[in-house]
C-alpha cells in the first residue's frame, strides 16, 4: 500500500468574485520509506499542497490518501485525530512552546494522545536527535538548529507513518541546515521513515531520493534521481 497518494488535486480560493487556482490536478504517489522533495518557486503551490497532505485543509476536488485513508473525506475532527496518529509536521518556524523545556515540548503531543511513558520516549527521541544533554533547556536557550531538532523530535513523538517538512531549513545557516538534513536522512535510512520535504532550496532537495517540481499548481517528476 502506498504511503501517500494524491490524485487530481485542485484547490481554489475565492475572494468575492475573484478565484485563484492554487493547485491544478496535482497527482503524486509516495511509497513507504521514500524520501521525496517537492521543489518550486514561491507561489507555485508548495505550501498549499503540504496543507492538504497534512489535513489542515480540504481540496476543492481530488483525493489525499494516506495509508489507505482518504483524509479529504474526513470531517475536521476526524482529520485532526488522523493527523495526530499518523502524520508529523515540521515547519520553517519551529513552533515550540517557549515556556516548556525541550523534553516537555516533545512530551506534549503524547500527553494529548494519552500515551503512557511519554517522558521516557521524549528522552529517547532527544537522544536520537543528539540533544540528550539539552533536554531541560527551553527554546530560548537553544540555537536555531537545536530548536529545529527538537521540533523534529516533537513531530516524531507519536510515531507517525509520514513526516512532512515545510522549508524547515529556511531560517538556518548552510552548515546548520546540512546537519538538520543529515539527521532527516539518517531517520529515513535507519527507520524507513517516509519523508516529504517542501523546499525552494536545491541543496536541501539533493538529500532526497526523488525530486518533484511544482509549477503553476501542477506536479512534474524530475528526471534526475539522487543517490
N, C-alpha and C. Protein backbone atom coordinates (compact mmCIF):
# COMPACT_ATOMS: atom_id res chain seq x y z
N UNK A 1 0.84 -1.20 0.00
CA UNK A 1 0.00 0.00 0.00
C UNK A 1 0.88 1.25 0.00
N UNK A 2 0.52 2.23 -0.83
CA UNK A 2 1.28 3.47 -0.89
C UNK A 2 1.20 4.24 0.43
N UNK A 3 2.30 4.89 0.79
CA UNK A 3 2.28 5.74 1.99
C UNK A 3 1.41 6.96 1.74
N UNK A 4 1.48 7.50 0.52
CA UNK A 4 0.74 8.71 0.17
C UNK A 4 0.36 8.65 -1.30
N UNK A 5 -0.89 8.96 -1.58
CA UNK A 5 -1.32 9.05 -2.98
C UNK A 5 -2.22 10.27 -3.15
N UNK A 6 -1.75 11.18 -3.99
CA UNK A 6 -2.53 12.37 -4.33
C UNK A 6 -3.06 12.17 -5.74
N UNK A 7 -4.35 12.40 -5.91
CA UNK A 7 -4.97 12.16 -7.22
C UNK A 7 -5.83 13.36 -7.62
N UNK A 8 -5.43 14.01 -8.70
CA UNK A 8 -6.24 15.09 -9.28
C UNK A 8 -6.61 16.19 -8.32
N UNK A 9 -5.62 16.69 -7.55
CA UNK A 9 -5.91 17.70 -6.53
C UNK A 9 -6.09 19.09 -7.14
N UNK A 10 -7.20 19.69 -6.80
CA UNK A 10 -7.46 21.09 -7.12
C UNK A 10 -7.71 21.83 -5.82
N UNK A 11 -7.18 23.04 -5.72
CA UNK A 11 -7.51 23.91 -4.61
C UNK A 11 -7.76 25.29 -5.17
N UNK A 12 -8.99 25.78 -4.97
CA UNK A 12 -9.41 27.07 -5.50
C UNK A 12 -9.80 27.96 -4.33
N UNK A 13 -9.17 29.11 -4.26
CA UNK A 13 -9.51 30.09 -3.23
C UNK A 13 -10.40 31.16 -3.85
N UNK A 14 -11.45 31.53 -3.13
CA UNK A 14 -12.37 32.56 -3.62
C UNK A 14 -12.38 33.75 -2.69
N UNK A 15 -12.28 34.92 -3.27
CA UNK A 15 -12.40 36.17 -2.52
C UNK A 15 -13.29 37.10 -3.32
N UNK A 16 -14.55 37.18 -2.89
CA UNK A 16 -15.53 37.92 -3.68
C UNK A 16 -15.76 37.21 -5.00
N UNK A 17 -15.62 37.95 -6.08
CA UNK A 17 -15.80 37.36 -7.41
C UNK A 17 -14.49 36.83 -8.00
N UNK A 18 -13.42 36.95 -7.23
CA UNK A 18 -12.10 36.54 -7.74
C UNK A 18 -11.77 35.12 -7.28
N UNK A 19 -11.38 34.27 -8.23
CA UNK A 19 -10.95 32.90 -7.93
C UNK A 19 -9.47 32.74 -8.24
N UNK A 20 -8.75 32.13 -7.31
CA UNK A 20 -7.33 31.82 -7.51
C UNK A 20 -7.16 30.32 -7.45
N UNK A 21 -6.61 29.75 -8.51
CA UNK A 21 -6.40 28.31 -8.57
C UNK A 21 -4.98 28.02 -8.10
N UNK A 22 -4.84 27.47 -6.88
CA UNK A 22 -3.52 27.19 -6.32
C UNK A 22 -2.98 25.85 -6.78
N UNK A 23 -3.86 24.88 -6.96
CA UNK A 23 -3.46 23.55 -7.45
C UNK A 23 -4.36 23.17 -8.61
N UNK A 24 -3.75 22.56 -9.64
CA UNK A 24 -4.49 22.22 -10.85
C UNK A 24 -4.28 20.75 -11.20
N UNK A 25 -5.02 19.87 -10.56
CA UNK A 25 -4.94 18.45 -10.89
C UNK A 25 -3.65 17.78 -10.47
N UNK A 26 -3.06 18.22 -9.37
CA UNK A 26 -1.78 17.66 -8.91
C UNK A 26 -1.94 16.21 -8.47
N UNK A 27 -1.03 15.36 -8.92
CA UNK A 27 -1.05 13.94 -8.56
C UNK A 27 0.35 13.48 -8.19
N UNK A 28 0.45 12.59 -7.20
CA UNK A 28 1.75 12.10 -6.73
C UNK A 28 1.54 10.83 -5.94
N UNK A 29 2.46 9.87 -6.12
CA UNK A 29 2.45 8.65 -5.32
C UNK A 29 3.79 8.53 -4.60
N UNK A 30 3.74 8.28 -3.29
CA UNK A 30 4.94 8.11 -2.47
C UNK A 30 4.85 6.74 -1.80
N UNK A 31 5.91 5.95 -1.97
CA UNK A 31 5.95 4.61 -1.40
C UNK A 31 6.45 4.66 0.04
N UNK A 32 6.11 3.66 0.87
CA UNK A 32 6.63 3.63 2.24
C UNK A 32 8.15 3.66 2.27
N UNK A 33 8.71 4.50 3.12
CA UNK A 33 10.15 4.60 3.25
C UNK A 33 10.81 5.51 2.25
N UNK A 34 10.05 6.14 1.36
CA UNK A 34 10.64 7.07 0.39
C UNK A 34 10.94 8.41 1.04
N UNK A 35 11.91 9.10 0.46
CA UNK A 35 12.27 10.47 0.85
C UNK A 35 12.09 11.30 -0.42
N UNK A 36 11.02 12.12 -0.44
CA UNK A 36 10.66 12.89 -1.63
C UNK A 36 10.76 14.38 -1.33
N UNK A 37 11.41 15.11 -2.21
CA UNK A 37 11.48 16.57 -2.10
C UNK A 37 10.56 17.18 -3.16
N UNK A 38 9.77 18.17 -2.75
CA UNK A 38 8.93 18.92 -3.67
C UNK A 38 9.50 20.33 -3.77
N UNK A 39 9.96 20.69 -4.95
CA UNK A 39 10.60 21.99 -5.14
C UNK A 39 9.76 22.87 -6.05
N UNK A 40 10.01 24.16 -5.96
CA UNK A 40 9.29 25.10 -6.82
C UNK A 40 9.45 26.52 -6.32
N UNK A 41 9.11 27.46 -7.17
CA UNK A 41 9.23 28.86 -6.81
C UNK A 41 8.18 29.25 -5.77
N UNK A 42 8.41 30.40 -5.15
CA UNK A 42 7.39 30.95 -4.24
C UNK A 42 6.10 31.18 -5.02
N UNK A 43 4.99 30.78 -4.40
CA UNK A 43 3.70 30.96 -5.05
C UNK A 43 3.32 29.84 -6.00
N UNK A 44 4.17 28.82 -6.11
CA UNK A 44 3.88 27.72 -7.04
C UNK A 44 2.83 26.76 -6.51
N UNK A 45 2.57 26.80 -5.18
CA UNK A 45 1.57 25.92 -4.59
C UNK A 45 2.14 24.93 -3.59
N UNK A 46 3.43 25.08 -3.22
CA UNK A 46 4.07 24.12 -2.32
C UNK A 46 3.38 24.07 -0.96
N UNK A 47 3.19 25.22 -0.34
CA UNK A 47 2.60 25.25 0.99
C UNK A 47 1.14 24.80 0.97
N UNK A 48 0.43 25.17 -0.08
CA UNK A 48 -0.95 24.70 -0.22
C UNK A 48 -0.99 23.18 -0.28
N UNK A 49 -0.09 22.61 -1.06
CA UNK A 49 -0.03 21.16 -1.18
C UNK A 49 0.23 20.51 0.16
N UNK A 50 1.18 21.02 0.92
CA UNK A 50 1.50 20.43 2.22
C UNK A 50 0.35 20.59 3.20
N UNK A 51 -0.35 21.70 3.10
CA UNK A 51 -1.52 21.92 3.96
C UNK A 51 -2.58 20.85 3.72
N UNK A 52 -2.77 20.47 2.46
CA UNK A 52 -3.76 19.44 2.13
C UNK A 52 -3.28 18.06 2.57
N UNK A 53 -1.99 17.77 2.37
CA UNK A 53 -1.46 16.47 2.79
C UNK A 53 -1.56 16.32 4.30
N UNK A 54 -1.32 17.42 5.02
CA UNK A 54 -1.39 17.39 6.47
C UNK A 54 -2.80 17.43 7.02
N UNK A 55 -3.79 17.55 6.15
CA UNK A 55 -5.17 17.56 6.62
C UNK A 55 -5.59 18.83 7.30
N UNK A 56 -4.82 19.91 7.09
CA UNK A 56 -5.18 21.20 7.69
C UNK A 56 -6.23 21.93 6.86
N UNK A 57 -6.45 21.45 5.65
CA UNK A 57 -7.50 21.98 4.77
C UNK A 57 -7.92 20.85 3.83
N UNK A 58 -9.02 21.04 3.14
CA UNK A 58 -9.50 20.03 2.21
C UNK A 58 -9.41 20.56 0.78
N UNK A 59 -9.18 19.66 -0.19
CA UNK A 59 -9.09 20.10 -1.59
C UNK A 59 -10.45 20.49 -2.14
N UNK A 60 -10.45 21.33 -3.16
CA UNK A 60 -11.69 21.65 -3.87
C UNK A 60 -12.16 20.44 -4.67
N UNK A 61 -11.20 19.61 -5.11
CA UNK A 61 -11.50 18.36 -5.79
C UNK A 61 -10.27 17.48 -5.68
N UNK A 62 -10.47 16.17 -5.79
CA UNK A 62 -9.36 15.24 -5.75
C UNK A 62 -9.28 14.48 -4.45
N UNK A 63 -8.27 13.61 -4.35
CA UNK A 63 -8.12 12.72 -3.21
C UNK A 63 -6.74 12.86 -2.58
N UNK A 64 -6.71 12.75 -1.24
CA UNK A 64 -5.47 12.70 -0.47
C UNK A 64 -5.53 11.44 0.37
N UNK A 65 -4.84 10.40 -0.08
CA UNK A 65 -4.92 9.09 0.58
C UNK A 65 -3.60 8.80 1.29
N UNK A 66 -3.68 8.63 2.60
CA UNK A 66 -2.51 8.31 3.42
C UNK A 66 -2.74 6.94 4.04
N UNK A 67 -1.89 5.99 3.67
CA UNK A 67 -2.02 4.64 4.21
C UNK A 67 -3.39 4.03 4.01
N UNK A 68 -4.01 4.34 2.88
CA UNK A 68 -5.32 3.76 2.57
C UNK A 68 -6.51 4.59 3.01
N UNK A 69 -6.30 5.67 3.75
CA UNK A 69 -7.40 6.52 4.22
C UNK A 69 -7.45 7.81 3.42
N UNK A 70 -8.60 8.08 2.81
CA UNK A 70 -8.77 9.34 2.07
C UNK A 70 -9.16 10.42 3.07
N UNK A 71 -8.18 11.21 3.49
CA UNK A 71 -8.44 12.18 4.54
C UNK A 71 -9.30 13.34 4.05
N UNK A 72 -9.41 13.51 2.73
CA UNK A 72 -10.26 14.56 2.19
C UNK A 72 -11.73 14.28 2.48
N UNK A 73 -12.06 13.03 2.78
CA UNK A 73 -13.45 12.64 3.08
C UNK A 73 -13.78 12.71 4.56
N UNK A 74 -12.77 13.01 5.39
CA UNK A 74 -13.00 13.08 6.82
C UNK A 74 -13.45 14.49 7.22
N UNK A 75 -14.20 14.56 8.31
CA UNK A 75 -14.56 15.89 8.81
C UNK A 75 -13.38 16.46 9.60
N UNK A 76 -13.51 17.69 10.06
CA UNK A 76 -12.38 18.37 10.70
C UNK A 76 -11.89 17.63 11.93
N UNK A 77 -12.81 17.15 12.74
CA UNK A 77 -12.42 16.42 13.96
C UNK A 77 -11.71 15.13 13.61
N UNK A 78 -12.22 14.41 12.63
CA UNK A 78 -11.61 13.15 12.21
C UNK A 78 -10.23 13.38 11.60
N UNK A 79 -10.09 14.46 10.82
CA UNK A 79 -8.78 14.76 10.23
C UNK A 79 -7.76 15.07 11.31
N UNK A 80 -8.18 15.83 12.33
CA UNK A 80 -7.27 16.18 13.42
C UNK A 80 -6.81 14.92 14.16
N UNK A 81 -7.73 14.01 14.41
CA UNK A 81 -7.38 12.75 15.09
C UNK A 81 -6.44 11.91 14.22
N UNK A 82 -6.72 11.88 12.92
CA UNK A 82 -5.87 11.11 12.00
C UNK A 82 -4.47 11.71 11.95
N UNK A 83 -4.40 13.04 11.90
CA UNK A 83 -3.11 13.72 11.83
C UNK A 83 -2.28 13.44 13.08
N UNK A 84 -2.90 13.48 14.24
CA UNK A 84 -2.18 13.22 15.49
C UNK A 84 -1.59 11.81 15.50
N UNK A 85 -2.32 10.87 14.93
CA UNK A 85 -1.91 9.47 14.99
C UNK A 85 -0.94 9.07 13.88
N UNK A 86 -1.02 9.74 12.72
CA UNK A 86 -0.31 9.21 11.55
C UNK A 86 0.63 10.19 10.85
N UNK A 87 0.53 11.49 11.11
CA UNK A 87 1.30 12.47 10.35
C UNK A 87 2.05 13.41 11.30
N UNK A 88 3.35 13.58 11.05
CA UNK A 88 4.14 14.57 11.78
C UNK A 88 4.48 15.71 10.84
N UNK A 89 4.52 16.93 11.35
CA UNK A 89 4.81 18.10 10.52
C UNK A 89 5.87 18.97 11.19
N UNK A 90 6.87 19.38 10.41
CA UNK A 90 7.90 20.30 10.88
C UNK A 90 7.87 21.53 9.98
N UNK A 91 7.78 22.71 10.59
CA UNK A 91 7.67 23.95 9.84
C UNK A 91 8.98 24.73 9.86
N UNK A 92 9.05 25.76 9.03
CA UNK A 92 10.22 26.64 9.00
C UNK A 92 10.43 27.28 10.37
N UNK A 93 9.36 27.80 10.95
CA UNK A 93 9.41 28.26 12.33
C UNK A 93 9.16 27.04 13.21
N UNK A 94 9.99 26.84 14.22
CA UNK A 94 9.95 25.57 14.96
C UNK A 94 8.64 25.34 15.72
N UNK A 95 7.89 26.41 16.01
CA UNK A 95 6.58 26.30 16.68
C UNK A 95 6.66 25.62 18.05
N UNK A 96 7.79 25.74 18.71
CA UNK A 96 7.89 25.19 20.06
C UNK A 96 7.23 26.13 21.05
N UNK A 97 6.76 25.58 22.15
CA UNK A 97 6.15 26.41 23.20
C UNK A 97 7.28 26.95 24.07
N UNK A 98 7.43 28.28 24.13
CA UNK A 98 8.64 28.87 24.73
C UNK A 98 8.82 28.63 26.21
N UNK A 99 7.73 28.42 26.96
CA UNK A 99 7.89 28.26 28.41
C UNK A 99 8.02 26.79 28.82
N UNK A 100 8.06 25.87 27.83
CA UNK A 100 8.28 24.46 28.12
C UNK A 100 9.72 24.08 27.75
N UNK A 101 10.29 23.13 28.47
CA UNK A 101 11.61 22.63 28.12
C UNK A 101 11.53 21.80 26.83
N UNK A 102 12.71 21.46 26.31
CA UNK A 102 12.74 20.61 25.11
C UNK A 102 12.00 19.31 25.37
N UNK A 103 12.25 18.69 26.50
CA UNK A 103 11.58 17.42 26.80
C UNK A 103 10.07 17.61 26.94
N UNK A 104 9.66 18.67 27.58
CA UNK A 104 8.22 18.92 27.76
C UNK A 104 7.54 19.18 26.42
N UNK A 105 8.22 19.87 25.49
CA UNK A 105 7.67 20.08 24.16
C UNK A 105 7.46 18.75 23.44
N UNK A 106 8.44 17.86 23.54
CA UNK A 106 8.34 16.56 22.88
C UNK A 106 7.26 15.70 23.53
N UNK A 107 7.11 15.82 24.83
CA UNK A 107 6.10 15.03 25.55
C UNK A 107 4.68 15.46 25.23
N UNK A 108 4.47 16.74 24.93
CA UNK A 108 3.12 17.29 24.83
C UNK A 108 2.21 16.53 23.87
N UNK A 109 2.62 16.24 22.62
CA UNK A 109 1.71 15.51 21.72
C UNK A 109 1.34 14.13 22.27
N UNK A 110 2.26 13.48 22.96
CA UNK A 110 1.97 12.17 23.55
C UNK A 110 0.98 12.29 24.70
N UNK A 111 1.13 13.35 25.48
CA UNK A 111 0.19 13.56 26.58
C UNK A 111 -1.21 13.85 26.05
N UNK A 112 -1.28 14.63 24.96
CA UNK A 112 -2.59 14.93 24.36
C UNK A 112 -3.24 13.67 23.80
N UNK A 113 -2.40 12.71 23.39
CA UNK A 113 -2.91 11.44 22.86
C UNK A 113 -3.06 10.38 23.96
N UNK A 114 -2.85 10.80 25.22
CA UNK A 114 -2.98 9.91 26.38
C UNK A 114 -2.07 8.70 26.30
N UNK A 115 -0.84 8.92 25.75
CA UNK A 115 0.13 7.82 25.66
C UNK A 115 0.89 7.70 26.96
N UNK A 116 1.18 6.47 27.32
CA UNK A 116 1.98 6.23 28.52
C UNK A 116 3.46 6.38 28.19
N UNK A 117 4.26 6.50 29.23
CA UNK A 117 5.72 6.57 29.10
C UNK A 117 6.18 7.71 28.21
N UNK A 118 5.46 8.84 28.27
CA UNK A 118 5.81 9.99 27.42
C UNK A 118 7.20 10.52 27.77
N UNK A 119 7.54 10.57 29.04
CA UNK A 119 8.83 11.12 29.44
C UNK A 119 9.98 10.26 28.92
N UNK A 120 9.84 8.96 29.03
CA UNK A 120 10.88 8.05 28.56
C UNK A 120 11.08 8.13 27.06
N UNK A 121 9.98 8.18 26.32
CA UNK A 121 10.10 8.27 24.86
C UNK A 121 10.68 9.63 24.46
N UNK A 122 10.28 10.69 25.16
CA UNK A 122 10.83 12.01 24.86
C UNK A 122 12.34 12.03 25.06
N UNK A 123 12.81 11.43 26.14
CA UNK A 123 14.26 11.37 26.37
C UNK A 123 14.94 10.59 25.25
N UNK A 124 14.34 9.47 24.85
CA UNK A 124 14.94 8.65 23.78
C UNK A 124 15.00 9.43 22.46
N UNK A 125 13.92 10.17 22.14
CA UNK A 125 13.89 10.92 20.89
C UNK A 125 14.92 12.05 20.90
N UNK A 126 15.04 12.73 22.02
CA UNK A 126 16.03 13.81 22.10
C UNK A 126 17.45 13.26 22.00
N UNK A 127 17.67 12.06 22.54
CA UNK A 127 18.98 11.42 22.36
C UNK A 127 19.19 11.07 20.89
N UNK A 128 18.12 10.63 20.23
CA UNK A 128 18.21 10.26 18.81
C UNK A 128 18.62 11.44 17.94
N UNK A 129 18.16 12.64 18.31
CA UNK A 129 18.50 13.83 17.52
C UNK A 129 19.70 14.57 18.10
N UNK A 130 20.40 13.93 19.05
CA UNK A 130 21.63 14.49 19.57
C UNK A 130 21.47 15.58 20.60
N UNK A 131 20.35 15.56 21.34
CA UNK A 131 20.11 16.63 22.31
C UNK A 131 19.83 16.10 23.71
N UNK A 132 20.39 14.96 24.03
CA UNK A 132 20.15 14.38 25.36
C UNK A 132 20.57 15.33 26.47
N UNK A 133 21.67 16.05 26.24
CA UNK A 133 22.18 16.94 27.28
C UNK A 133 21.45 18.29 27.34
N UNK A 134 20.55 18.51 26.38
CA UNK A 134 19.86 19.80 26.32
C UNK A 134 18.37 19.67 26.62
N UNK A 135 17.97 18.52 27.12
CA UNK A 135 16.53 18.23 27.25
C UNK A 135 15.82 19.14 28.25
N UNK A 136 16.55 19.69 29.21
CA UNK A 136 15.92 20.56 30.21
C UNK A 136 16.04 22.04 29.87
N UNK A 137 16.52 22.34 28.68
CA UNK A 137 16.63 23.72 28.23
C UNK A 137 15.35 24.16 27.52
N UNK A 138 14.98 25.41 27.69
CA UNK A 138 13.83 25.96 26.99
C UNK A 138 14.27 26.47 25.61
N UNK A 139 13.32 26.64 24.68
CA UNK A 139 13.69 27.04 23.32
C UNK A 139 14.58 28.27 23.24
N UNK A 140 14.35 29.26 24.12
CA UNK A 140 15.16 30.47 24.10
C UNK A 140 16.62 30.23 24.47
N UNK A 141 16.92 29.07 25.05
CA UNK A 141 18.28 28.73 25.44
C UNK A 141 18.97 27.84 24.40
N UNK A 142 18.28 27.57 23.30
CA UNK A 142 18.79 26.68 22.27
C UNK A 142 19.10 27.45 20.99
N UNK A 143 20.03 26.94 20.20
CA UNK A 143 20.33 27.54 18.89
C UNK A 143 19.21 27.20 17.91
N UNK A 144 19.25 27.86 16.75
CA UNK A 144 18.23 27.59 15.73
C UNK A 144 18.22 26.14 15.29
N UNK A 145 19.40 25.57 15.08
CA UNK A 145 19.48 24.17 14.68
C UNK A 145 18.99 23.23 15.77
N UNK A 146 19.30 23.56 17.02
CA UNK A 146 18.82 22.73 18.14
C UNK A 146 17.30 22.79 18.24
N UNK A 147 16.74 23.99 18.09
CA UNK A 147 15.28 24.11 18.14
C UNK A 147 14.62 23.29 17.03
N UNK A 148 15.24 23.30 15.84
CA UNK A 148 14.65 22.55 14.74
C UNK A 148 14.73 21.05 15.00
N UNK A 149 15.81 20.62 15.66
CA UNK A 149 15.91 19.21 16.01
C UNK A 149 14.89 18.82 17.08
N UNK A 150 14.62 19.72 18.01
CA UNK A 150 13.55 19.47 18.99
C UNK A 150 12.21 19.37 18.27
N UNK A 151 11.99 20.25 17.27
CA UNK A 151 10.74 20.21 16.51
C UNK A 151 10.59 18.89 15.77
N UNK A 152 11.70 18.36 15.24
CA UNK A 152 11.65 17.07 14.57
C UNK A 152 11.31 15.97 15.57
N UNK A 153 11.94 15.99 16.74
CA UNK A 153 11.63 15.00 17.77
C UNK A 153 10.17 15.09 18.18
N UNK A 154 9.65 16.31 18.30
CA UNK A 154 8.24 16.50 18.66
C UNK A 154 7.32 15.91 17.59
N UNK A 155 7.67 16.15 16.32
CA UNK A 155 6.86 15.62 15.22
C UNK A 155 6.88 14.09 15.18
N UNK A 156 7.96 13.50 15.70
CA UNK A 156 8.09 12.04 15.70
C UNK A 156 7.50 11.39 16.94
N UNK A 157 7.04 12.18 17.89
CA UNK A 157 6.68 11.65 19.21
C UNK A 157 5.59 10.58 19.16
N UNK A 158 4.61 10.74 18.31
CA UNK A 158 3.52 9.77 18.22
C UNK A 158 3.74 8.73 17.12
N UNK A 159 5.00 8.56 16.72
CA UNK A 159 5.38 7.55 15.73
C UNK A 159 4.56 7.64 14.44
N UNK A 160 4.65 8.77 13.75
CA UNK A 160 3.84 8.95 12.54
C UNK A 160 4.30 8.04 11.41
N UNK A 161 3.37 7.74 10.50
CA UNK A 161 3.69 6.98 9.30
C UNK A 161 4.36 7.87 8.26
N UNK A 162 4.09 9.17 8.35
CA UNK A 162 4.55 10.13 7.35
C UNK A 162 5.02 11.40 8.05
N UNK A 163 6.22 11.87 7.68
CA UNK A 163 6.73 13.13 8.22
C UNK A 163 6.79 14.15 7.10
N UNK A 164 6.16 15.31 7.32
CA UNK A 164 6.15 16.41 6.36
C UNK A 164 7.03 17.53 6.89
N UNK A 165 7.76 18.17 6.00
CA UNK A 165 8.62 19.29 6.41
C UNK A 165 8.43 20.43 5.43
N UNK A 166 8.12 21.61 5.95
CA UNK A 166 7.86 22.78 5.11
C UNK A 166 8.96 23.81 5.30
N UNK A 167 9.91 23.87 4.35
CA UNK A 167 11.01 24.85 4.38
C UNK A 167 11.70 24.84 5.74
N UNK A 168 11.96 23.64 6.27
CA UNK A 168 12.44 23.55 7.65
C UNK A 168 13.83 24.12 7.85
N UNK A 169 14.59 24.36 6.77
CA UNK A 169 15.93 24.95 6.92
C UNK A 169 15.96 26.42 6.50
N UNK A 170 14.80 27.01 6.24
CA UNK A 170 14.74 28.35 5.68
C UNK A 170 15.38 29.42 6.55
N UNK A 171 15.41 29.23 7.86
CA UNK A 171 15.97 30.23 8.76
C UNK A 171 17.32 29.82 9.34
N UNK A 172 17.93 28.76 8.76
CA UNK A 172 19.19 28.25 9.28
C UNK A 172 20.34 28.57 8.34
N UNK A 173 21.53 28.71 8.89
CA UNK A 173 22.70 28.90 8.03
C UNK A 173 23.03 27.58 7.33
N UNK A 174 23.91 27.64 6.34
CA UNK A 174 24.17 26.48 5.50
C UNK A 174 24.67 25.28 6.28
N UNK A 175 25.61 25.51 7.20
CA UNK A 175 26.18 24.40 7.96
C UNK A 175 25.13 23.75 8.87
N UNK A 176 24.32 24.58 9.54
CA UNK A 176 23.29 24.05 10.43
C UNK A 176 22.21 23.32 9.62
N UNK A 177 21.84 23.90 8.48
CA UNK A 177 20.86 23.25 7.61
C UNK A 177 21.36 21.87 7.18
N UNK A 178 22.64 21.77 6.88
CA UNK A 178 23.22 20.50 6.49
C UNK A 178 23.11 19.46 7.59
N UNK A 179 23.35 19.89 8.84
CA UNK A 179 23.25 18.95 9.96
C UNK A 179 21.81 18.47 10.16
N UNK A 180 20.85 19.39 10.00
CA UNK A 180 19.43 19.01 10.13
C UNK A 180 19.04 18.03 9.03
N UNK A 181 19.49 18.29 7.81
CA UNK A 181 19.16 17.39 6.70
C UNK A 181 19.86 16.04 6.85
N UNK A 182 21.08 16.04 7.38
CA UNK A 182 21.77 14.78 7.67
C UNK A 182 20.94 13.95 8.65
N UNK A 183 20.36 14.62 9.64
CA UNK A 183 19.52 13.94 10.63
C UNK A 183 18.31 13.31 9.95
N UNK A 184 17.63 14.07 9.10
CA UNK A 184 16.46 13.52 8.40
C UNK A 184 16.86 12.34 7.52
N UNK A 185 17.99 12.47 6.84
CA UNK A 185 18.45 11.37 6.01
C UNK A 185 18.72 10.12 6.82
N UNK A 186 19.29 10.30 8.01
CA UNK A 186 19.56 9.14 8.88
C UNK A 186 18.27 8.51 9.39
N UNK A 187 17.30 9.35 9.76
CA UNK A 187 16.00 8.82 10.21
C UNK A 187 15.32 8.03 9.08
N UNK A 188 15.43 8.55 7.88
CA UNK A 188 14.86 7.86 6.72
C UNK A 188 15.55 6.53 6.48
N UNK A 189 16.88 6.53 6.55
CA UNK A 189 17.64 5.30 6.27
C UNK A 189 17.51 4.27 7.39
N UNK A 190 17.60 4.73 8.64
CA UNK A 190 17.62 3.79 9.77
C UNK A 190 16.24 3.28 10.14
N UNK A 191 15.22 4.13 10.01
CA UNK A 191 13.89 3.75 10.47
C UNK A 191 12.86 3.62 9.34
N UNK A 192 13.34 3.76 8.10
CA UNK A 192 12.45 3.68 6.93
C UNK A 192 11.29 4.67 7.04
N UNK A 193 11.56 5.82 7.64
CA UNK A 193 10.56 6.85 7.81
C UNK A 193 10.24 7.48 6.46
N UNK A 194 8.96 7.58 6.12
CA UNK A 194 8.54 8.21 4.87
C UNK A 194 8.57 9.72 5.05
N UNK A 195 9.30 10.40 4.17
CA UNK A 195 9.51 11.84 4.29
C UNK A 195 9.06 12.56 3.03
N UNK A 196 8.34 13.66 3.20
CA UNK A 196 8.03 14.57 2.10
C UNK A 196 8.46 15.96 2.55
N UNK A 197 9.45 16.51 1.86
CA UNK A 197 10.03 17.80 2.22
C UNK A 197 9.72 18.81 1.12
N UNK A 198 9.12 19.92 1.51
CA UNK A 198 8.84 21.01 0.58
C UNK A 198 9.92 22.07 0.75
N UNK A 199 10.56 22.45 -0.36
CA UNK A 199 11.67 23.39 -0.25
C UNK A 199 11.89 24.13 -1.56
N UNK A 200 12.41 25.33 -1.47
CA UNK A 200 12.87 26.05 -2.67
C UNK A 200 14.37 25.89 -2.83
N UNK A 201 15.02 25.22 -1.86
CA UNK A 201 16.46 25.08 -1.81
C UNK A 201 16.89 23.78 -2.48
N UNK A 202 17.60 23.89 -3.61
CA UNK A 202 18.01 22.68 -4.33
C UNK A 202 19.04 21.88 -3.53
N UNK A 203 19.81 22.55 -2.68
CA UNK A 203 20.74 21.83 -1.83
C UNK A 203 20.03 20.91 -0.86
N UNK A 204 18.91 21.38 -0.30
CA UNK A 204 18.09 20.55 0.58
C UNK A 204 17.49 19.40 -0.21
N UNK A 205 16.98 19.70 -1.40
CA UNK A 205 16.35 18.66 -2.23
C UNK A 205 17.33 17.55 -2.58
N UNK A 206 18.63 17.87 -2.63
CA UNK A 206 19.64 16.89 -3.00
C UNK A 206 19.73 15.73 -1.99
N UNK A 207 19.22 15.94 -0.78
CA UNK A 207 19.23 14.87 0.21
C UNK A 207 18.16 13.81 -0.06
N UNK A 208 17.17 14.15 -0.85
CA UNK A 208 16.04 13.25 -1.09
C UNK A 208 16.39 12.18 -2.11
N UNK A 209 15.64 11.09 -2.09
CA UNK A 209 15.82 10.06 -3.09
C UNK A 209 15.14 10.39 -4.39
N UNK A 210 14.14 11.27 -4.33
CA UNK A 210 13.39 11.66 -5.53
C UNK A 210 12.95 13.10 -5.40
N UNK A 211 13.00 13.81 -6.50
CA UNK A 211 12.60 15.22 -6.50
C UNK A 211 11.45 15.42 -7.47
N UNK A 212 10.46 16.16 -7.03
CA UNK A 212 9.29 16.50 -7.83
C UNK A 212 9.17 18.01 -7.86
N UNK A 213 8.87 18.58 -9.01
CA UNK A 213 8.74 20.02 -9.13
C UNK A 213 7.27 20.41 -9.22
N UNK A 214 6.91 21.47 -8.51
CA UNK A 214 5.56 22.02 -8.64
C UNK A 214 5.66 23.36 -9.36
N UNK A 215 4.83 23.52 -10.38
CA UNK A 215 4.81 24.76 -11.16
C UNK A 215 3.39 25.01 -11.62
N UNK A 216 2.90 26.22 -11.38
CA UNK A 216 1.53 26.59 -11.75
C UNK A 216 0.51 25.60 -11.22
N UNK A 217 0.76 25.08 -10.01
CA UNK A 217 -0.20 24.20 -9.36
C UNK A 217 -0.19 22.76 -9.84
N UNK A 218 0.77 22.39 -10.68
CA UNK A 218 0.87 21.01 -11.16
C UNK A 218 2.20 20.42 -10.72
N UNK A 219 2.24 19.09 -10.56
CA UNK A 219 3.45 18.39 -10.16
C UNK A 219 4.08 17.69 -11.35
N UNK A 220 5.40 17.82 -11.45
CA UNK A 220 6.14 17.22 -12.55
C UNK A 220 7.31 16.42 -11.99
N UNK A 221 7.46 15.19 -12.43
CA UNK A 221 8.57 14.34 -11.98
C UNK A 221 9.87 14.82 -12.61
N UNK A 222 10.91 14.95 -11.79
CA UNK A 222 12.23 15.30 -12.30
C UNK A 222 12.91 14.06 -12.84
N UNK A 223 13.67 14.23 -13.91
CA UNK A 223 14.37 13.09 -14.48
C UNK A 223 15.50 12.61 -13.56
N UNK A 224 16.15 13.57 -12.90
CA UNK A 224 17.29 13.21 -12.05
C UNK A 224 16.80 12.61 -10.75
N UNK A 225 17.40 11.47 -10.37
CA UNK A 225 17.12 10.84 -9.09
C UNK A 225 18.39 10.84 -8.28
N UNK A 226 18.33 11.31 -7.06
CA UNK A 226 19.52 11.44 -6.23
C UNK A 226 19.91 10.09 -5.65
N UNK A 227 21.21 9.92 -5.44
CA UNK A 227 21.70 8.68 -4.82
C UNK A 227 21.32 8.66 -3.35
